[in-house]
Amino acid sequence: MTTVHLARHGETTWHAENRYAGSSDVPLTARGREQGNALARWAAGAGVDVVATSDLSRAVETGDAAAKLLGVELVIDARLREVDFGSGEGRTRAEMAAIFPEQLAAFVATPASSPLPGGEPGTTAVARGLESLADLTRVAGADGTVLVVAHSTLIRLVLCRVLGLPLDEYRRRFPGLANTAVTTVELPSAADAAALVERGALIRFNAAL
């Protein structure tokens, strides 16, 4: 089994207002960069062999600190992007409720299968995320350790899929992830994404550094 540490990126400039960032490229705050440095120090003591991030700058900057400290090349993979929230991007929950209340209510009830207007279904997002993880487990090997810096919703969708839980339960089963908190799973060194489905073991969830 490959050990995979899943970490959310550091704090962003939209964090204080709780705006949905999704696929928008929102920069880190100074605190977010400090969180990235703390994650790097943690990774240096965790035996990490591979560091991978999404291609959004908040994830790249967070993960790059760890890659530099470990002396490894950073793997940047667009398949690890956050779910695209469509018309919800850049908006708060209250703003969405004023503009498209019915669609928001459906999203809150079944967030993976009822995307926000113009948004990405959870099934699509988790499929690309699992493809990336399958590739990373092959690179790291059965005894390897991977640090993946990605995004809150994508990480929780992935957890549901590898643990055999309904995707629409991701919020209820896995309440929000803290910035740079680490969730650890063990996954088989997979030939493809399908081999990861219902095959993972959760070691810890949302652990502070």
N, C-alpha and C. Protein backbone atom coordinates (compact mmCIF):
# COMPACT_ATOMS: atom_id res chain seq x y z
N MET A 1 0.84 -1.19 0.00
CA MET A 1 0.00 0.00 0.00
C MET A 1 0.88 1.26 0.00
N THR A 2 0.41 2.27 -0.68
CA THR A 2 1.08 3.57 -0.71
C THR A 2 0.42 4.48 0.32
N THR A 3 1.23 5.16 1.11
CA THR A 3 0.71 6.13 2.06
C THR A 3 0.51 7.46 1.35
N VAL A 4 -0.69 8.00 1.42
CA VAL A 4 -1.01 9.26 0.75
C VAL A 4 -1.52 10.25 1.78
N HIS A 5 -0.80 11.35 1.93
CA HIS A 5 -1.21 12.43 2.81
C HIS A 5 -1.92 13.49 1.96
N LEU A 6 -3.18 13.75 2.27
CA LEU A 6 -3.97 14.73 1.54
C LEU A 6 -4.09 15.99 2.38
N ALA A 7 -3.59 17.10 1.87
CA ALA A 7 -3.62 18.35 2.62
C ALA A 7 -4.33 19.43 1.82
N ARG A 8 -5.17 20.18 2.49
CA ARG A 8 -5.77 21.35 1.85
C ARG A 8 -4.72 22.45 1.79
N HIS A 9 -4.79 23.27 0.76
CA HIS A 9 -3.88 24.42 0.61
C HIS A 9 -4.00 25.38 1.79
N GLY A 10 -3.11 26.36 1.85
CA GLY A 10 -3.15 27.37 2.90
C GLY A 10 -4.29 28.36 2.72
N GLU A 11 -4.44 29.20 3.72
CA GLU A 11 -5.50 30.22 3.71
C GLU A 11 -5.37 31.15 2.52
N THR A 12 -6.53 31.52 1.94
CA THR A 12 -6.55 32.43 0.80
C THR A 12 -7.21 33.76 1.17
N THR A 13 -7.14 34.69 0.24
CA THR A 13 -7.72 36.01 0.47
C THR A 13 -9.24 35.98 0.52
N TRP A 14 -9.86 34.88 0.10
CA TRP A 14 -11.32 34.75 0.18
C TRP A 14 -11.77 34.00 1.43
N HIS A 15 -10.81 33.55 2.23
CA HIS A 15 -11.14 32.69 3.36
C HIS A 15 -12.01 33.39 4.39
N ALA A 16 -11.68 34.64 4.73
CA ALA A 16 -12.38 35.34 5.80
C ALA A 16 -13.87 35.50 5.50
N GLU A 17 -14.21 35.70 4.22
CA GLU A 17 -15.61 35.89 3.84
C GLU A 17 -16.27 34.59 3.41
N ASN A 18 -15.53 33.50 3.47
CA ASN A 18 -16.05 32.18 3.12
C ASN A 18 -16.65 32.16 1.71
N ARG A 19 -15.92 32.74 0.76
CA ARG A 19 -16.36 32.74 -0.63
C ARG A 19 -15.92 31.44 -1.30
N TYR A 20 -16.75 30.92 -2.17
CA TYR A 20 -16.44 29.69 -2.89
C TYR A 20 -15.37 29.98 -3.94
N ALA A 21 -14.20 29.39 -3.76
CA ALA A 21 -13.10 29.63 -4.69
C ALA A 21 -13.16 28.70 -5.89
N GLY A 22 -13.38 27.41 -5.64
CA GLY A 22 -13.49 26.47 -6.74
C GLY A 22 -12.30 26.51 -7.69
N SER A 23 -12.58 26.68 -8.97
CA SER A 23 -11.52 26.70 -9.98
C SER A 23 -10.92 28.09 -10.17
N SER A 24 -11.42 29.08 -9.42
CA SER A 24 -10.84 30.43 -9.50
C SER A 24 -9.44 30.42 -8.89
N ASP A 25 -8.53 31.19 -9.45
CA ASP A 25 -7.15 31.20 -8.97
C ASP A 25 -6.99 32.31 -7.94
N VAL A 26 -7.20 31.96 -6.69
CA VAL A 26 -7.20 32.92 -5.59
C VAL A 26 -5.88 32.80 -4.83
N PRO A 27 -5.20 33.92 -4.57
CA PRO A 27 -3.88 33.83 -3.94
C PRO A 27 -3.93 33.54 -2.44
N LEU A 28 -2.82 33.06 -1.91
CA LEU A 28 -2.66 32.87 -0.48
C LEU A 28 -2.51 34.20 0.24
N THR A 29 -2.89 34.19 1.50
CA THR A 29 -2.57 35.30 2.39
C THR A 29 -1.17 35.06 2.97
N ALA A 30 -0.69 36.03 3.73
CA ALA A 30 0.59 35.84 4.42
C ALA A 30 0.48 34.65 5.38
N ARG A 31 -0.65 34.53 6.03
CA ARG A 31 -0.86 33.39 6.94
C ARG A 31 -0.87 32.08 6.15
N GLY A 32 -1.45 32.11 4.96
CA GLY A 32 -1.46 30.91 4.13
C GLY A 32 -0.05 30.46 3.76
N ARG A 33 0.83 31.42 3.49
CA ARG A 33 2.22 31.06 3.17
C ARG A 33 2.93 30.49 4.40
N GLU A 34 2.62 31.04 5.57
CA GLU A 34 3.19 30.50 6.81
C GLU A 34 2.71 29.06 7.04
N GLN A 35 1.43 28.82 6.73
CA GLN A 35 0.90 27.46 6.86
C GLN A 35 1.61 26.50 5.91
N GLY A 36 1.93 26.98 4.70
CA GLY A 36 2.68 26.16 3.76
C GLY A 36 4.06 25.80 4.28
N ASN A 37 4.70 26.75 4.92
CA ASN A 37 6.02 26.48 5.50
C ASN A 37 5.92 25.46 6.64
N ALA A 38 4.86 25.56 7.43
CA ALA A 38 4.67 24.59 8.52
C ALA A 38 4.41 23.19 7.95
N LEU A 39 3.64 23.13 6.87
CA LEU A 39 3.39 21.83 6.23
C LEU A 39 4.69 21.25 5.69
N ALA A 40 5.55 22.10 5.15
CA ALA A 40 6.85 21.65 4.64
C ALA A 40 7.68 21.03 5.75
N ARG A 41 7.70 21.68 6.89
CA ARG A 41 8.47 21.14 8.02
C ARG A 41 7.90 19.81 8.48
N TRP A 42 6.57 19.71 8.47
CA TRP A 42 5.94 18.44 8.83
C TRP A 42 6.33 17.35 7.82
N ALA A 43 6.28 17.67 6.53
CA ALA A 43 6.58 16.69 5.49
C ALA A 43 8.02 16.20 5.59
N ALA A 44 8.92 17.06 6.02
CA ALA A 44 10.32 16.67 6.14
C ALA A 44 10.51 15.56 7.16
N GLY A 45 9.61 15.46 8.12
CA GLY A 45 9.70 14.40 9.12
C GLY A 45 8.77 13.24 8.88
N ALA A 46 8.05 13.27 7.74
CA ALA A 46 7.04 12.25 7.47
C ALA A 46 7.46 11.26 6.39
N GLY A 47 8.70 11.33 5.94
CA GLY A 47 9.18 10.38 4.94
C GLY A 47 8.53 10.53 3.58
N VAL A 48 8.17 11.74 3.21
CA VAL A 48 7.50 11.98 1.93
C VAL A 48 8.48 11.82 0.77
N ASP A 49 8.06 11.06 -0.24
CA ASP A 49 8.88 10.82 -1.43
C ASP A 49 8.45 11.68 -2.61
N VAL A 50 7.14 11.94 -2.71
CA VAL A 50 6.57 12.65 -3.86
C VAL A 50 5.65 13.75 -3.33
N VAL A 51 5.77 14.95 -3.92
CA VAL A 51 4.87 16.05 -3.58
C VAL A 51 4.14 16.46 -4.85
N ALA A 52 2.80 16.46 -4.78
CA ALA A 52 1.98 16.82 -5.94
C ALA A 52 0.94 17.85 -5.53
N THR A 53 0.59 18.73 -6.46
CA THR A 53 -0.42 19.74 -6.19
C THR A 53 -1.31 19.92 -7.42
N SER A 54 -2.43 20.59 -7.21
CA SER A 54 -3.22 21.04 -8.36
C SER A 54 -2.45 22.17 -9.04
N ASP A 55 -2.99 22.64 -10.17
CA ASP A 55 -2.30 23.71 -10.89
C ASP A 55 -2.76 25.10 -10.47
N LEU A 56 -3.62 25.19 -9.46
CA LEU A 56 -4.04 26.49 -8.96
C LEU A 56 -2.98 27.04 -8.01
N SER A 57 -2.73 28.33 -8.09
CA SER A 57 -1.57 28.92 -7.40
C SER A 57 -1.60 28.70 -5.90
N ARG A 58 -2.80 28.67 -5.29
CA ARG A 58 -2.85 28.50 -3.83
C ARG A 58 -2.35 27.12 -3.42
N ALA A 59 -2.55 26.11 -4.26
CA ALA A 59 -2.04 24.78 -3.98
C ALA A 59 -0.56 24.68 -4.34
N VAL A 60 -0.19 25.25 -5.50
CA VAL A 60 1.20 25.19 -5.94
C VAL A 60 2.12 25.85 -4.92
N GLU A 61 1.75 27.03 -4.46
CA GLU A 61 2.62 27.74 -3.52
C GLU A 61 2.70 27.00 -2.19
N THR A 62 1.59 26.43 -1.75
CA THR A 62 1.61 25.66 -0.50
C THR A 62 2.50 24.43 -0.63
N GLY A 63 2.35 23.68 -1.71
CA GLY A 63 3.12 22.45 -1.88
C GLY A 63 4.57 22.68 -2.26
N ASP A 64 4.84 23.79 -2.93
CA ASP A 64 6.20 24.06 -3.38
C ASP A 64 7.16 24.20 -2.20
N ALA A 65 6.66 24.74 -1.10
CA ALA A 65 7.52 24.88 0.08
C ALA A 65 8.01 23.52 0.54
N ALA A 66 7.12 22.52 0.52
CA ALA A 66 7.52 21.16 0.93
C ALA A 66 8.48 20.54 -0.07
N ALA A 67 8.19 20.70 -1.36
CA ALA A 67 9.06 20.11 -2.38
C ALA A 67 10.47 20.68 -2.28
N LYS A 68 10.57 21.98 -2.08
CA LYS A 68 11.90 22.60 -1.98
C LYS A 68 12.65 22.11 -0.75
N LEU A 69 11.95 22.02 0.38
CA LEU A 69 12.62 21.56 1.59
C LEU A 69 13.07 20.11 1.47
N LEU A 70 12.27 19.30 0.77
CA LEU A 70 12.61 17.88 0.59
C LEU A 70 13.60 17.64 -0.54
N GLY A 71 13.79 18.65 -1.40
CA GLY A 71 14.69 18.49 -2.53
C GLY A 71 14.13 17.60 -3.62
N VAL A 72 12.79 17.63 -3.81
CA VAL A 72 12.17 16.84 -4.88
C VAL A 72 11.47 17.77 -5.85
N GLU A 73 11.24 17.27 -7.06
CA GLU A 73 10.55 18.07 -8.05
C GLU A 73 9.05 18.07 -7.77
N LEU A 74 8.44 19.24 -7.80
CA LEU A 74 7.01 19.35 -7.55
C LEU A 74 6.24 18.84 -8.77
N VAL A 75 5.27 17.96 -8.52
CA VAL A 75 4.39 17.46 -9.57
C VAL A 75 3.12 18.31 -9.57
N ILE A 76 2.84 18.99 -10.67
CA ILE A 76 1.66 19.85 -10.78
C ILE A 76 0.67 19.18 -11.73
N ASP A 77 -0.53 18.93 -11.26
CA ASP A 77 -1.50 18.16 -12.02
C ASP A 77 -2.87 18.85 -11.96
N ALA A 78 -3.36 19.27 -13.11
CA ALA A 78 -4.64 19.97 -13.18
C ALA A 78 -5.80 19.07 -12.74
N ARG A 79 -5.61 17.77 -12.76
CA ARG A 79 -6.68 16.86 -12.34
C ARG A 79 -6.97 16.96 -10.84
N LEU A 80 -6.07 17.60 -10.10
CA LEU A 80 -6.25 17.78 -8.66
C LEU A 80 -6.92 19.10 -8.32
N ARG A 81 -7.41 19.82 -9.34
CA ARG A 81 -8.11 21.09 -9.10
C ARG A 81 -9.35 20.89 -8.23
N GLU A 82 -9.75 21.99 -7.60
CA GLU A 82 -11.00 21.98 -6.87
C GLU A 82 -12.17 21.83 -7.83
N VAL A 83 -13.29 21.37 -7.31
CA VAL A 83 -14.54 21.32 -8.07
C VAL A 83 -14.85 22.72 -8.60
N ASP A 84 -15.29 22.80 -9.84
CA ASP A 84 -15.72 24.07 -10.42
C ASP A 84 -17.15 24.34 -9.94
N PHE A 85 -17.34 25.44 -9.23
CA PHE A 85 -18.64 25.76 -8.66
C PHE A 85 -19.49 26.66 -9.56
N GLY A 86 -19.09 26.83 -10.81
CA GLY A 86 -19.92 27.55 -11.77
C GLY A 86 -20.29 28.94 -11.30
N SER A 87 -21.59 29.24 -11.27
CA SER A 87 -22.06 30.56 -10.87
C SER A 87 -21.83 30.86 -9.39
N GLY A 88 -21.43 29.87 -8.64
CA GLY A 88 -21.12 30.08 -7.23
C GLY A 88 -19.72 30.61 -6.98
N GLU A 89 -18.88 30.57 -8.00
CA GLU A 89 -17.49 31.00 -7.83
C GLU A 89 -17.44 32.47 -7.38
N GLY A 90 -16.68 32.71 -6.32
CA GLY A 90 -16.50 34.07 -5.82
C GLY A 90 -17.64 34.58 -4.97
N ARG A 91 -18.65 33.76 -4.75
CA ARG A 91 -19.83 34.20 -3.99
C ARG A 91 -19.91 33.49 -2.64
N THR A 92 -20.55 34.15 -1.70
CA THR A 92 -20.85 33.52 -0.41
C THR A 92 -22.16 32.74 -0.53
N ARG A 93 -22.45 31.92 0.47
CA ARG A 93 -23.70 31.18 0.48
C ARG A 93 -24.90 32.13 0.48
N ALA A 94 -24.80 33.23 1.23
CA ALA A 94 -25.90 34.19 1.30
C ALA A 94 -26.14 34.85 -0.06
N GLU A 95 -25.08 35.17 -0.76
CA GLU A 95 -25.23 35.78 -2.09
C GLU A 95 -25.88 34.80 -3.06
N MET A 96 -25.49 33.54 -2.99
CA MET A 96 -26.10 32.54 -3.86
C MET A 96 -27.58 32.36 -3.55
N ALA A 97 -27.92 32.40 -2.27
CA ALA A 97 -29.32 32.23 -1.87
C ALA A 97 -30.20 33.35 -2.44
N ALA A 98 -29.61 34.52 -2.61
CA ALA A 98 -30.37 35.64 -3.16
C ALA A 98 -30.52 35.55 -4.67
N ILE A 99 -29.60 34.86 -5.34
CA ILE A 99 -29.59 34.83 -6.81
C ILE A 99 -30.25 33.57 -7.36
N PHE A 100 -29.91 32.40 -6.82
CA PHE A 100 -30.50 31.14 -7.31
C PHE A 100 -30.81 30.22 -6.12
N PRO A 101 -31.83 30.59 -5.34
CA PRO A 101 -32.12 29.85 -4.10
C PRO A 101 -32.48 28.38 -4.29
N GLU A 102 -33.22 28.06 -5.35
CA GLU A 102 -33.63 26.66 -5.54
C GLU A 102 -32.43 25.78 -5.87
N GLN A 103 -31.57 26.28 -6.75
CA GLN A 103 -30.38 25.50 -7.12
C GLN A 103 -29.45 25.35 -5.92
N LEU A 104 -29.36 26.40 -5.11
CA LEU A 104 -28.52 26.31 -3.91
C LEU A 104 -29.09 25.27 -2.95
N ALA A 105 -30.40 25.27 -2.76
CA ALA A 105 -31.01 24.30 -1.85
C ALA A 105 -30.75 22.87 -2.31
N ALA A 106 -30.83 22.63 -3.63
CA ALA A 106 -30.54 21.29 -4.16
C ALA A 106 -29.08 20.93 -3.93
N PHE A 107 -28.20 21.88 -4.11
CA PHE A 107 -26.76 21.66 -3.91
C PHE A 107 -26.48 21.32 -2.45
N VAL A 108 -27.10 22.04 -1.54
CA VAL A 108 -26.88 21.78 -0.12
C VAL A 108 -27.37 20.38 0.25
N ALA A 109 -28.49 19.96 -0.33
CA ALA A 109 -29.06 18.65 -0.02
C ALA A 109 -28.25 17.51 -0.61
N THR A 110 -27.87 17.63 -1.89
CA THR A 110 -27.12 16.58 -2.59
C THR A 110 -26.00 17.23 -3.41
N PRO A 111 -24.92 17.63 -2.75
CA PRO A 111 -23.91 18.49 -3.39
C PRO A 111 -23.14 17.84 -4.53
N ALA A 112 -23.00 16.53 -4.52
CA ALA A 112 -22.24 15.90 -5.60
C ALA A 112 -23.06 15.72 -6.86
N SER A 113 -24.35 15.42 -6.68
CA SER A 113 -25.21 15.14 -7.84
C SER A 113 -26.03 16.34 -8.29
N SER A 114 -26.03 17.42 -7.51
CA SER A 114 -26.77 18.64 -7.88
C SER A 114 -25.82 19.83 -7.87
N PRO A 115 -24.96 19.95 -8.88
CA PRO A 115 -23.99 21.04 -8.88
C PRO A 115 -24.67 22.40 -8.97
N LEU A 116 -23.97 23.43 -8.55
CA LEU A 116 -24.46 24.79 -8.71
C LEU A 116 -24.57 25.12 -10.19
N PRO A 117 -25.37 26.12 -10.58
CA PRO A 117 -25.55 26.43 -12.00
C PRO A 117 -24.22 26.58 -12.74
N GLY A 118 -24.08 25.80 -13.82
CA GLY A 118 -22.85 25.84 -14.59
C GLY A 118 -21.67 25.15 -13.94
N GLY A 119 -21.91 24.48 -12.81
CA GLY A 119 -20.83 23.86 -12.07
C GLY A 119 -20.54 22.43 -12.50
N GLU A 120 -19.53 21.86 -11.89
CA GLU A 120 -19.04 20.52 -12.21
C GLU A 120 -19.67 19.47 -11.30
N PRO A 121 -20.23 18.41 -11.84
CA PRO A 121 -20.75 17.34 -10.98
C PRO A 121 -19.64 16.68 -10.17
N GLY A 122 -19.99 16.24 -8.99
CA GLY A 122 -19.01 15.57 -8.14
C GLY A 122 -18.42 14.33 -8.77
N THR A 123 -19.24 13.61 -9.55
CA THR A 123 -18.74 12.39 -10.19
C THR A 123 -17.62 12.71 -11.18
N THR A 124 -17.72 13.81 -11.88
CA THR A 124 -16.69 14.21 -12.83
C THR A 124 -15.41 14.60 -12.10
N ALA A 125 -15.56 15.38 -11.04
CA ALA A 125 -14.39 15.84 -10.28
C ALA A 125 -13.65 14.67 -9.64
N VAL A 126 -14.39 13.76 -9.01
CA VAL A 126 -13.72 12.67 -8.31
C VAL A 126 -13.05 11.71 -9.30
N ALA A 127 -13.60 11.57 -10.49
CA ALA A 127 -12.97 10.68 -11.49
C ALA A 127 -11.59 11.19 -11.87
N ARG A 128 -11.49 12.49 -12.11
CA ARG A 128 -10.17 13.03 -12.49
C ARG A 128 -9.21 12.98 -11.30
N GLY A 129 -9.74 13.24 -10.09
CA GLY A 129 -8.88 13.17 -8.91
C GLY A 129 -8.32 11.77 -8.69
N LEU A 130 -9.16 10.76 -8.87
CA LEU A 130 -8.69 9.38 -8.70
C LEU A 130 -7.69 8.98 -9.77
N GLU A 131 -7.87 9.48 -10.99
CA GLU A 131 -6.88 9.21 -12.04
C GLU A 131 -5.50 9.72 -11.64
N SER A 132 -5.48 10.93 -11.08
CA SER A 132 -4.21 11.50 -10.63
C SER A 132 -3.60 10.67 -9.50
N LEU A 133 -4.42 10.28 -8.53
CA LEU A 133 -3.90 9.50 -7.41
C LEU A 133 -3.39 8.14 -7.86
N ALA A 134 -4.04 7.52 -8.83
CA ALA A 134 -3.56 6.24 -9.35
C ALA A 134 -2.17 6.41 -9.96
N ASP A 135 -1.98 7.48 -10.72
CA ASP A 135 -0.66 7.73 -11.30
C ASP A 135 0.38 7.97 -10.21
N LEU A 136 0.01 8.71 -9.18
CA LEU A 136 0.96 9.02 -8.10
C LEU A 136 1.34 7.78 -7.30
N THR A 137 0.39 6.88 -7.08
CA THR A 137 0.73 5.66 -6.35
C THR A 137 1.67 4.77 -7.16
N ARG A 138 1.51 4.80 -8.47
CA ARG A 138 2.45 4.02 -9.31
C ARG A 138 3.85 4.62 -9.24
N VAL A 139 3.93 5.95 -9.24
CA VAL A 139 5.25 6.60 -9.17
C VAL A 139 5.92 6.32 -7.83
N ALA A 140 5.15 6.44 -6.75
CA ALA A 140 5.73 6.27 -5.41
C ALA A 140 6.01 4.82 -5.07
N GLY A 141 5.19 3.90 -5.60
CA GLY A 141 5.38 2.49 -5.32
C GLY A 141 4.69 2.07 -4.03
N ALA A 142 4.69 0.77 -3.79
CA ALA A 142 3.94 0.20 -2.68
C ALA A 142 4.42 0.67 -1.32
N ASP A 143 5.70 1.00 -1.21
CA ASP A 143 6.23 1.44 0.08
C ASP A 143 6.46 2.94 0.13
N GLY A 144 5.97 3.67 -0.87
CA GLY A 144 6.23 5.09 -0.96
C GLY A 144 5.22 5.92 -0.18
N THR A 145 5.56 7.20 -0.06
CA THR A 145 4.71 8.16 0.65
C THR A 145 4.55 9.40 -0.21
N VAL A 146 3.29 9.80 -0.41
CA VAL A 146 2.97 10.93 -1.27
C VAL A 146 2.28 12.01 -0.46
N LEU A 147 2.66 13.26 -0.69
CA LEU A 147 1.93 14.41 -0.15
C LEU A 147 1.20 15.07 -1.30
N VAL A 148 -0.12 15.15 -1.19
CA VAL A 148 -0.95 15.79 -2.21
C VAL A 148 -1.56 17.05 -1.60
N VAL A 149 -1.24 18.20 -2.17
CA VAL A 149 -1.84 19.46 -1.72
C VAL A 149 -2.93 19.82 -2.71
N ALA A 150 -4.17 19.76 -2.24
CA ALA A 150 -5.30 19.97 -3.14
C ALA A 150 -6.35 20.84 -2.44
N HIS A 151 -7.61 20.44 -2.52
CA HIS A 151 -8.71 21.33 -2.15
C HIS A 151 -9.77 20.58 -1.36
N SER A 152 -10.50 21.32 -0.55
CA SER A 152 -11.40 20.74 0.43
C SER A 152 -12.45 19.80 -0.17
N THR A 153 -13.19 20.28 -1.15
CA THR A 153 -14.27 19.45 -1.70
C THR A 153 -13.72 18.25 -2.45
N LEU A 154 -12.70 18.46 -3.26
CA LEU A 154 -12.14 17.33 -4.01
C LEU A 154 -11.60 16.26 -3.07
N ILE A 155 -10.91 16.66 -2.03
CA ILE A 155 -10.37 15.69 -1.09
C ILE A 155 -11.48 14.87 -0.45
N ARG A 156 -12.56 15.53 -0.06
CA ARG A 156 -13.65 14.81 0.61
C ARG A 156 -14.39 13.89 -0.36
N LEU A 157 -14.52 14.29 -1.61
CA LEU A 157 -15.11 13.41 -2.61
C LEU A 157 -14.24 12.17 -2.83
N VAL A 158 -12.94 12.38 -2.90
CA VAL A 158 -12.01 11.25 -3.06
C VAL A 158 -12.13 10.30 -1.88
N LEU A 159 -12.20 10.83 -0.67
CA LEU A 159 -12.34 9.98 0.50
C LEU A 159 -13.59 9.12 0.41
N CYS A 160 -14.69 9.72 0.00
CA CYS A 160 -15.92 8.94 -0.14
C CYS A 160 -15.75 7.80 -1.13
N ARG A 161 -15.12 8.08 -2.25
CA ARG A 161 -14.99 7.06 -3.30
C ARG A 161 -14.08 5.92 -2.85
N VAL A 162 -12.94 6.24 -2.25
CA VAL A 162 -12.01 5.16 -1.89
C VAL A 162 -12.48 4.38 -0.67
N LEU A 163 -13.41 4.97 0.11
CA LEU A 163 -13.94 4.26 1.27
C LEU A 163 -15.31 3.65 1.01
N GLY A 164 -15.83 3.82 -0.22
CA GLY A 164 -17.10 3.22 -0.58
C GLY A 164 -18.31 3.92 0.01
N LEU A 165 -18.23 5.23 0.20
CA LEU A 165 -19.34 6.01 0.75
C LEU A 165 -20.03 6.80 -0.35
N PRO A 166 -21.33 7.09 -0.21
CA PRO A 166 -22.03 7.87 -1.23
C PRO A 166 -21.41 9.26 -1.38
N LEU A 167 -21.22 9.69 -2.61
CA LEU A 167 -20.59 10.99 -2.84
C LEU A 167 -21.40 12.13 -2.24
N ASP A 168 -22.71 12.04 -2.28
CA ASP A 168 -23.53 13.12 -1.74
C ASP A 168 -23.42 13.26 -0.23
N GLU A 169 -22.73 12.31 0.43
CA GLU A 169 -22.55 12.36 1.87
C GLU A 169 -21.26 13.04 2.28
N TYR A 170 -20.52 13.60 1.33
CA TYR A 170 -19.16 14.05 1.67
C TYR A 170 -19.15 15.11 2.77
N ARG A 171 -20.13 16.00 2.79
CA ARG A 171 -20.15 17.03 3.82
C ARG A 171 -20.52 16.45 5.19
N ARG A 172 -21.49 15.55 5.20
CA ARG A 172 -21.93 14.99 6.47
C ARG A 172 -20.91 14.01 7.04
N ARG A 173 -20.28 13.23 6.18
CA ARG A 173 -19.29 12.26 6.67
C ARG A 173 -17.97 12.94 7.02
N PHE A 174 -17.61 13.96 6.27
CA PHE A 174 -16.32 14.62 6.46
C PHE A 174 -16.53 16.14 6.53
N PRO A 175 -16.87 16.65 7.71
CA PRO A 175 -17.04 18.10 7.86
C PRO A 175 -15.77 18.84 7.46
N GLY A 176 -15.90 20.11 7.18
CA GLY A 176 -14.86 20.91 6.54
C GLY A 176 -13.42 20.65 6.95
N LEU A 177 -12.55 20.76 6.00
CA LEU A 177 -11.11 20.58 6.22
C LEU A 177 -10.45 21.91 6.58
N ALA A 178 -9.59 21.89 7.57
CA ALA A 178 -8.82 23.08 7.92
C ALA A 178 -7.68 23.26 6.93
N ASN A 179 -7.26 24.49 6.76
CA ASN A 179 -6.13 24.77 5.86
C ASN A 179 -4.88 24.07 6.35
N THR A 180 -4.24 23.32 5.46
CA THR A 180 -3.02 22.52 5.65
C THR A 180 -3.15 21.42 6.71
N ALA A 181 -4.38 21.14 7.17
CA ALA A 181 -4.57 19.93 7.98
C ALA A 181 -4.34 18.71 7.09
N VAL A 182 -3.88 17.63 7.68
CA VAL A 182 -3.48 16.44 6.92
C VAL A 182 -4.44 15.29 7.16
N THR A 183 -4.92 14.72 6.06
CA THR A 183 -5.73 13.50 6.08
C THR A 183 -4.90 12.40 5.43
N THR A 184 -4.77 11.28 6.09
CA THR A 184 -3.89 10.22 5.60
C THR A 184 -4.68 8.97 5.26
N VAL A 185 -4.43 8.43 4.07
CA VAL A 185 -5.04 7.18 3.63
C VAL A 185 -3.96 6.25 3.11
N GLU A 186 -4.27 4.98 3.12
CA GLU A 186 -3.42 3.98 2.46
C GLU A 186 -4.17 3.49 1.24
N LEU A 187 -3.49 3.51 0.09
CA LEU A 187 -4.11 3.12 -1.17
C LEU A 187 -3.24 2.08 -1.87
N PRO A 188 -3.85 1.18 -2.62
CA PRO A 188 -3.05 0.23 -3.40
C PRO A 188 -2.29 0.96 -4.49
N SER A 189 -1.12 0.45 -4.85
CA SER A 189 -0.40 1.00 -6.01
C SER A 189 -1.18 0.56 -7.24
N ALA A 190 -1.98 1.48 -7.78
CA ALA A 190 -3.05 1.11 -8.69
C ALA A 190 -2.64 1.15 -10.15
N ALA A 191 -3.21 0.23 -10.91
CA ALA A 191 -3.02 0.24 -12.36
C ALA A 191 -3.86 1.34 -12.99
N ASP A 192 -5.01 1.64 -12.38
CA ASP A 192 -5.87 2.69 -12.90
C ASP A 192 -6.78 3.18 -11.77
N ALA A 193 -7.58 4.21 -12.06
CA ALA A 193 -8.42 4.81 -11.04
C ALA A 193 -9.43 3.83 -10.46
N ALA A 194 -9.94 2.92 -11.29
CA ALA A 194 -10.96 1.98 -10.82
C ALA A 194 -10.43 1.11 -9.68
N ALA A 195 -9.14 0.85 -9.67
CA ALA A 195 -8.56 0.00 -8.64
C ALA A 195 -8.54 0.66 -7.27
N LEU A 196 -8.76 1.99 -7.23
CA LEU A 196 -8.77 2.70 -5.96
C LEU A 196 -10.15 2.73 -5.31
N VAL A 197 -11.19 2.49 -6.08
CA VAL A 197 -12.55 2.62 -5.57
C VAL A 197 -12.82 1.56 -4.51
N GLU A 198 -13.23 2.01 -3.33
CA GLU A 198 -13.54 1.13 -2.19
C GLU A 198 -12.33 0.29 -1.78
N ARG A 199 -11.14 0.81 -1.99
CA ARG A 199 -9.94 0.04 -1.66
C ARG A 199 -9.05 0.75 -0.66
N GLY A 200 -9.44 1.92 -0.19
CA GLY A 200 -8.57 2.68 0.69
C GLY A 200 -8.85 2.43 2.16
N ALA A 201 -7.86 2.77 2.99
CA ALA A 201 -8.02 2.71 4.45
C ALA A 201 -7.71 4.09 5.00
N LEU A 202 -8.65 4.65 5.77
CA LEU A 202 -8.46 5.97 6.36
C LEU A 202 -7.66 5.83 7.65
N ILE A 203 -6.53 6.54 7.71
CA ILE A 203 -5.66 6.48 8.89
C ILE A 203 -5.95 7.63 9.83
N ARG A 204 -6.12 8.82 9.28
CA ARG A 204 -6.49 9.97 10.13
C ARG A 204 -7.15 11.02 9.23
N PHE A 205 -7.99 11.84 9.86
CA PHE A 205 -8.74 12.84 9.11
C PHE A 205 -8.55 14.22 9.73
N ASN A 206 -8.21 15.19 8.89
CA ASN A 206 -8.21 16.61 9.28
C ASN A 206 -7.32 16.86 10.50
N ALA A 207 -6.14 16.26 10.51
CA ALA A 207 -5.25 16.38 11.66
C ALA A 207 -4.43 17.67 11.57
N ALA A 208 -4.41 18.43 12.64
CA ALA A 208 -3.60 19.64 12.68
C ALA A 208 -2.14 19.27 12.73
N LEU A 209 -1.30 20.15 12.20
CA LEU A 209 0.14 19.89 12.18
C LEU A 209 0.72 20.01 13.59
